[in-house]
Amino acid sequence: MGTLQTAPALDHPELLAAPVLEALRGWDRAGEVYVAPIDAGLADTAAFCEAYQVGLDVSANCVVIAGKREGVVRYAACLVLATTRADVNGVARRQLDVRKASFAPMDAATSETGMEYGGITPIGLPGAWPILVDAAVAATPNVIIGSGIRGSKIALPGKSLADLPGALVIEGLGIPS
């Protein structure tokens, strides 16, 4: 995990967004979740990985996508390794069952999740949202994801993400960048 100094996540609620903390408190895999403080100015993937010596192959990005069906906006989260990008208008769009999907606007993503932009994580998302987890993320022994805030990161086994409420593990969600 590079130079990150991790500790059990539930021991450091100050390093988690409120919805993330609430979700962890009710999740039976919370004991596998660790958190590490980081410089909030280095939260973006490339800067984070370089500063903390974390490989892009163990860092996952969570992006919020949106699409409309019958006038109703549908949201989903896509979790892919930092070595890839989410296939938003292919695999993700079909899972969301909309004609066109795109990245949700920043204000919508933050207001809908209760998390900071650049720190959005699949843990603690609204219950109705599907969480699309690329199979490569689920297969990663230990993966780094956001914590809901820019000032920390979460480390956990990739396979744990498959057990999040609403999670679907999908082959080919992440495509090479």
C-alpha atoms as a PDB file:
ATOM      1  CA  MET A   1       0.000   0.000   0.000  1.00  0.00           C
ATOM      2  CA  GLY A   2       2.919   2.293  -0.674  1.00  0.00           C
ATOM      3  CA  THR A   3       3.747   4.693   2.134  1.00  0.00           C
ATOM      4  CA  LEU A   4       0.180   4.947   3.485  1.00  0.00           C
ATOM      5  CA  GLN A   5      -0.177   4.635   7.246  1.00  0.00           C
ATOM      6  CA  THR A   6      -3.403   2.674   7.605  1.00  0.00           C
ATOM      7  CA  ALA A   7      -5.515   2.005  10.684  1.00  0.00           C
ATOM      8  CA  PRO A   8      -8.912   0.336  11.177  1.00  0.00           C
ATOM      9  CA  ALA A   9     -11.472   2.637   9.549  1.00  0.00           C
ATOM     10  CA  LEU A  10     -14.003   2.504  12.370  1.00  0.00           C
ATOM     11  CA  ASP A  11     -11.305   3.722  14.780  1.00  0.00           C
ATOM     12  CA  HIS A  12     -11.003   6.963  12.761  1.00  0.00           C
ATOM     13  CA  PRO A  13     -14.466   8.330  11.954  1.00  0.00           C
ATOM     14  CA  GLU A  14     -12.925  11.774  11.365  1.00  0.00           C
ATOM     15  CA  LEU A  15     -11.322  10.356   8.195  1.00  0.00           C
ATOM     16  CA  LEU A  16     -14.633   9.225   6.680  1.00  0.00           C
ATOM     17  CA  ALA A  17     -17.597  11.017   5.127  1.00  0.00           C
ATOM     18  CA  ALA A  18     -20.778  10.609   7.199  1.00  0.00           C
ATOM     19  CA  PRO A  19     -22.527   8.213   4.758  1.00  0.00           C
ATOM     20  CA  VAL A  20     -19.378   6.062   4.583  1.00  0.00           C
ATOM     21  CA  LEU A  21     -19.123   5.830   8.361  1.00  0.00           C
ATOM     22  CA  GLU A  22     -22.815   4.944   8.645  1.00  0.00           C
ATOM     23  CA  ALA A  23     -22.502   2.224   6.002  1.00  0.00           C
ATOM     24  CA  LEU A  24     -19.377   0.755   7.623  1.00  0.00           C
ATOM     25  CA  ARG A  25     -21.094   0.558  10.997  1.00  0.00           C
ATOM     26  CA  GLY A  26     -23.729  -1.715   9.473  1.00  0.00           C
ATOM     27  CA  TRP A  27     -21.495  -3.781   7.178  1.00  0.00           C
ATOM     28  CA  ASP A  28     -20.241  -7.184   8.309  1.00  0.00           C
ATOM     29  CA  ARG A  29     -16.974  -6.704   6.356  1.00  0.00           C
ATOM     30  CA  ALA A  30     -16.073  -3.429   8.080  1.00  0.00           C
ATOM     31  CA  GLY A  31     -13.245  -5.141   9.993  1.00  0.00           C
ATOM     32  CA  GLU A  32     -11.416  -5.559   6.677  1.00  0.00           C
ATOM     33  CA  VAL A  33     -11.529  -1.825   5.952  1.00  0.00           C
ATOM     34  CA  TYR A  34      -8.597   0.438   6.778  1.00  0.00           C
ATOM     35  CA  VAL A  35      -8.196   4.173   6.348  1.00  0.00           C
ATOM     36  CA  ALA A  36      -5.164   6.406   5.890  1.00  0.00           C
ATOM     37  CA  PRO A  37      -4.919  10.180   6.064  1.00  0.00           C
ATOM     38  CA  ILE A  38      -3.557  11.908   2.957  1.00  0.00           C
ATOM     39  CA  ASP A  39      -2.940  15.454   1.807  1.00  0.00           C
ATOM     40  CA  ALA A  40      -6.301  16.551   0.336  1.00  0.00           C
ATOM     41  CA  GLY A  41      -4.424  18.389  -2.408  1.00  0.00           C
ATOM     42  CA  LEU A  42      -3.079  15.035  -3.567  1.00  0.00           C
ATOM     43  CA  ALA A  43      -6.414  13.175  -3.688  1.00  0.00           C
ATOM     44  CA  ASP A  44      -6.588  12.961  -7.485  1.00  0.00           C
ATOM     45  CA  THR A  45      -5.377   9.559  -8.645  1.00  0.00           C
ATOM     46  CA  ALA A  46      -2.166  10.399 -10.500  1.00  0.00           C
ATOM     47  CA  ALA A  47      -0.904  12.805  -7.822  1.00  0.00           C
ATOM     48  CA  PHE A  48      -1.943  10.443  -5.010  1.00  0.00           C
ATOM     49  CA  CYS A  49      -0.258   7.390  -6.516  1.00  0.00           C
ATOM     50  CA  GLU A  50       2.976   9.273  -7.167  1.00  0.00           C
ATOM     51  CA  ALA A  51       3.125  10.955  -3.739  1.00  0.00           C
ATOM     52  CA  TYR A  52       2.255   7.820  -1.740  1.00  0.00           C
ATOM     53  CA  GLN A  53       4.005   5.263  -3.983  1.00  0.00           C
ATOM     54  CA  VAL A  54       0.794   3.366  -4.669  1.00  0.00           C
ATOM     55  CA  GLY A  55       0.536   1.530  -7.987  1.00  0.00           C
ATOM     56  CA  LEU A  56      -2.211   2.478 -10.406  1.00  0.00           C
ATOM     57  CA  ASP A  57      -2.964  -1.262 -10.560  1.00  0.00           C
ATOM     58  CA  VAL A  58      -4.140  -1.254  -6.906  1.00  0.00           C
ATOM     59  CA  SER A  59      -5.885   2.116  -6.966  1.00  0.00           C
ATOM     60  CA  ALA A  60      -9.542   2.173  -8.026  1.00  0.00           C
ATOM     61  CA  ASN A  61     -11.627   5.111  -9.155  1.00  0.00           C
ATOM     62  CA  CYS A  62     -15.324   5.427  -8.407  1.00  0.00           C
ATOM     63  CA  VAL A  63     -17.259   7.503 -10.918  1.00  0.00           C
ATOM     64  CA  VAL A  64     -20.918   8.421 -10.745  1.00  0.00           C
ATOM     65  CA  ILE A  65     -22.854   8.093 -13.986  1.00  0.00           C
ATOM     66  CA  ALA A  66     -26.337   9.231 -14.857  1.00  0.00           C
ATOM     67  CA  GLY A  67     -28.887   8.569 -17.547  1.00  0.00           C
ATOM     68  CA  LYS A  68     -32.588   9.180 -18.071  1.00  0.00           C
ATOM     69  CA  ARG A  69     -35.340   6.695 -18.654  1.00  0.00           C
ATOM     70  CA  GLU A  70     -38.931   7.924 -19.064  1.00  0.00           C
ATOM     71  CA  GLY A  71     -37.913  11.332 -17.699  1.00  0.00           C
ATOM     72  CA  VAL A  72     -36.395   9.926 -14.509  1.00  0.00           C
ATOM     73  CA  VAL A  73     -32.656  10.307 -13.838  1.00  0.00           C
ATOM     74  CA  ARG A  74     -30.983   7.039 -12.884  1.00  0.00           C
ATOM     75  CA  TYR A  75     -27.627   6.973 -11.146  1.00  0.00           C
ATOM     76  CA  ALA A  76     -25.008   4.266 -10.764  1.00  0.00           C
ATOM     77  CA  ALA A  77     -21.446   4.071  -9.516  1.00  0.00           C
ATOM     78  CA  CYS A  78     -18.680   2.468 -11.568  1.00  0.00           C
ATOM     79  CA  LEU A  79     -15.547   1.215  -9.847  1.00  0.00           C
ATOM     80  CA  VAL A  80     -12.565   0.550 -12.111  1.00  0.00           C
ATOM     81  CA  LEU A  81      -8.812   0.275 -11.638  1.00  0.00           C
ATOM     82  CA  ALA A  82      -6.836   3.453 -12.317  1.00  0.00           C
ATOM     83  CA  THR A  83      -5.154   1.674 -15.236  1.00  0.00           C
ATOM     84  CA  THR A  84      -8.517   1.673 -17.017  1.00  0.00           C
ATOM     85  CA  ARG A  85     -11.501   3.878 -17.674  1.00  0.00           C
ATOM     86  CA  ALA A  86     -15.152   2.989 -17.216  1.00  0.00           C
ATOM     87  CA  ASP A  87     -17.024   1.903 -20.339  1.00  0.00           C
ATOM     88  CA  VAL A  88     -19.783   4.404 -19.586  1.00  0.00           C
ATOM     89  CA  ASN A  89     -21.691   4.253 -22.870  1.00  0.00           C
ATOM     90  CA  GLY A  90     -21.312   0.514 -23.357  1.00  0.00           C
ATOM     91  CA  VAL A  91     -21.287  -1.817 -20.373  1.00  0.00           C
ATOM     92  CA  ALA A  92     -22.394   0.739 -17.749  1.00  0.00           C
ATOM     93  CA  ARG A  93     -25.182   2.215 -19.887  1.00  0.00           C
ATOM     94  CA  ARG A  94     -26.668  -1.223 -20.501  1.00  0.00           C
ATOM     95  CA  GLN A  95     -26.611  -2.014 -16.772  1.00  0.00           C
ATOM     96  CA  LEU A  96     -28.332   1.294 -16.016  1.00  0.00           C
ATOM     97  CA  ASP A  97     -30.894   0.523 -18.770  1.00  0.00           C
ATOM     98  CA  VAL A  98     -30.805   3.956 -20.400  1.00  0.00           C
ATOM     99  CA  ARG A  99     -30.231   5.084 -23.974  1.00  0.00           C
ATOM    100  CA  LYS A 100     -27.327   7.361 -23.100  1.00  0.00           C
ATOM    101  CA  ALA A 101     -25.184   7.583 -19.963  1.00  0.00           C
ATOM    102  CA  SER A 102     -22.633  10.188 -18.970  1.00  0.00           C
ATOM    103  CA  PHE A 103     -20.662  11.263 -15.959  1.00  0.00           C
ATOM    104  CA  ALA A 104     -22.983  12.919 -13.462  1.00  0.00           C
ATOM    105  CA  PRO A 105     -22.368  16.654 -13.007  1.00  0.00           C
ATOM    106  CA  MET A 106     -20.158  17.409 -10.003  1.00  0.00           C
ATOM    107  CA  ASP A 107     -22.907  19.190  -8.053  1.00  0.00           C
ATOM    108  CA  ALA A 108     -25.335  16.293  -8.577  1.00  0.00           C
ATOM    109  CA  ALA A 109     -22.692  13.685  -7.666  1.00  0.00           C
ATOM    110  CA  THR A 110     -21.802  15.434  -4.409  1.00  0.00           C
ATOM    111  CA  SER A 111     -25.345  16.314  -3.366  1.00  0.00           C
ATOM    112  CA  GLU A 112     -26.710  12.834  -4.146  1.00  0.00           C
ATOM    113  CA  THR A 113     -23.860  11.027  -2.334  1.00  0.00           C
ATOM    114  CA  GLY A 114     -23.081  13.378   0.564  1.00  0.00           C
ATOM    115  CA  MET A 115     -19.409  12.969  -0.366  1.00  0.00           C
ATOM    116  CA  GLU A 116     -16.676  15.260  -1.633  1.00  0.00           C
ATOM    117  CA  TYR A 117     -15.850  15.328  -5.331  1.00  0.00           C
ATOM    118  CA  GLY A 118     -12.598  13.454  -5.782  1.00  0.00           C
ATOM    119  CA  GLY A 119     -13.328  11.279  -2.759  1.00  0.00           C
ATOM    120  CA  ILE A 120     -16.543   9.524  -3.807  1.00  0.00           C
ATOM    121  CA  THR A 121     -16.504   5.863  -2.862  1.00  0.00           C
ATOM    122  CA  PRO A 122     -18.873   2.935  -3.383  1.00  0.00           C
ATOM    123  CA  ILE A 123     -19.306   2.495   0.381  1.00  0.00           C
ATOM    124  CA  GLY A 124     -22.295   4.490   1.626  1.00  0.00           C
ATOM    125  CA  LEU A 125     -23.925   5.349  -1.676  1.00  0.00           C
ATOM    126  CA  PRO A 126     -27.716   5.689  -1.895  1.00  0.00           C
ATOM    127  CA  GLY A 127     -29.315   2.257  -1.522  1.00  0.00           C
ATOM    128  CA  ALA A 128     -31.162   2.300  -4.843  1.00  0.00           C
ATOM    129  CA  TRP A 129     -27.995   2.807  -6.861  1.00  0.00           C
ATOM    130  CA  PRO A 130     -26.330  -0.113  -8.565  1.00  0.00           C
ATOM    131  CA  ILE A 131     -22.623  -0.322  -7.802  1.00  0.00           C
ATOM    132  CA  LEU A 132     -20.859  -1.669 -10.860  1.00  0.00           C
ATOM    133  CA  VAL A 133     -17.522  -3.206  -9.867  1.00  0.00           C
ATOM    134  CA  ASP A 134     -15.115  -4.195 -12.607  1.00  0.00           C
ATOM    135  CA  ALA A 135     -14.048  -7.828 -12.166  1.00  0.00           C
ATOM    136  CA  ALA A 136     -10.395  -6.737 -12.106  1.00  0.00           C
ATOM    137  CA  VAL A 137     -11.087  -4.577  -9.030  1.00  0.00           C
ATOM    138  CA  ALA A 138     -12.824  -7.455  -7.229  1.00  0.00           C
ATOM    139  CA  ALA A 139      -9.849  -9.696  -8.068  1.00  0.00           C
ATOM    140  CA  THR A 140      -7.265  -7.288  -6.625  1.00  0.00           C
ATOM    141  CA  PRO A 141      -6.033  -8.635  -3.257  1.00  0.00           C
ATOM    142  CA  ASN A 142      -5.910  -5.164  -1.670  1.00  0.00           C
ATOM    143  CA  VAL A 143      -7.248  -2.053  -3.340  1.00  0.00           C
ATOM    144  CA  ILE A 144      -7.242   1.655  -2.492  1.00  0.00           C
ATOM    145  CA  ILE A 145     -10.483   3.618  -2.940  1.00  0.00           C
ATOM    146  CA  GLY A 146     -11.891   6.944  -1.799  1.00  0.00           C
ATOM    147  CA  SER A 147     -13.239   7.531   1.697  1.00  0.00           C
ATOM    148  CA  GLY A 148     -15.914  10.073   0.857  1.00  0.00           C
ATOM    149  CA  ILE A 149     -13.545  12.958   1.637  1.00  0.00           C
ATOM    150  CA  ARG A 150     -10.403  14.162  -0.131  1.00  0.00           C
ATOM    151  CA  GLY A 151      -8.255  13.949   3.025  1.00  0.00           C
ATOM    152  CA  SER A 152      -8.043  10.154   3.272  1.00  0.00           C
ATOM    153  CA  LYS A 153      -8.175   6.873   1.371  1.00  0.00           C
ATOM    154  CA  ILE A 154      -9.587   3.458   2.209  1.00  0.00           C
ATOM    155  CA  ALA A 155      -7.737   0.154   1.772  1.00  0.00           C
ATOM    156  CA  LEU A 156      -9.622  -3.146   1.659  1.00  0.00           C
ATOM    157  CA  PRO A 157      -9.652  -6.506  -0.141  1.00  0.00           C
ATOM    158  CA  GLY A 158     -11.096  -6.123  -3.638  1.00  0.00           C
ATOM    159  CA  LYS A 159     -13.362  -9.125  -3.082  1.00  0.00           C
ATOM    160  CA  SER A 160     -15.084  -7.251  -0.223  1.00  0.00           C
ATOM    161  CA  LEU A 161     -16.472  -4.753  -2.718  1.00  0.00           C
ATOM    162  CA  ALA A 162     -18.539  -7.524  -4.309  1.00  0.00           C
ATOM    163  CA  ASP A 163     -20.434  -7.804  -1.007  1.00  0.00           C
ATOM    164  CA  LEU A 164     -21.570  -4.175  -0.886  1.00  0.00           C
ATOM    165  CA  PRO A 165     -25.354  -3.762  -1.086  1.00  0.00           C
ATOM    166  CA  GLY A 166     -26.278  -3.287  -4.740  1.00  0.00           C
ATOM    167  CA  ALA A 167     -22.869  -4.407  -6.049  1.00  0.00           C
ATOM    168  CA  LEU A 168     -22.591  -6.204  -9.372  1.00  0.00           C
ATOM    169  CA  VAL A 169     -19.211  -7.558 -10.472  1.00  0.00           C
ATOM    170  CA  ILE A 170     -18.910  -7.082 -14.222  1.00  0.00           C
ATOM    171  CA  GLU A 171     -16.292  -8.300 -16.684  1.00  0.00           C
ATOM    172  CA  GLY A 172     -15.103  -5.601 -19.074  1.00  0.00           C
ATOM    173  CA  LEU A 173     -16.444  -2.545 -17.234  1.00  0.00           C
ATOM    174  CA  GLY A 174     -12.923  -1.139 -17.140  1.00  0.00           C
ATOM    175  CA  ILE A 175     -11.311  -0.707 -20.522  1.00  0.00           C
ATOM    176  CA  PRO A 176      -7.644   0.211 -21.101  1.00  0.00           C
ATOM    177  CA  SER A 177      -7.024   3.957 -20.934  1.00  0.00           C
END
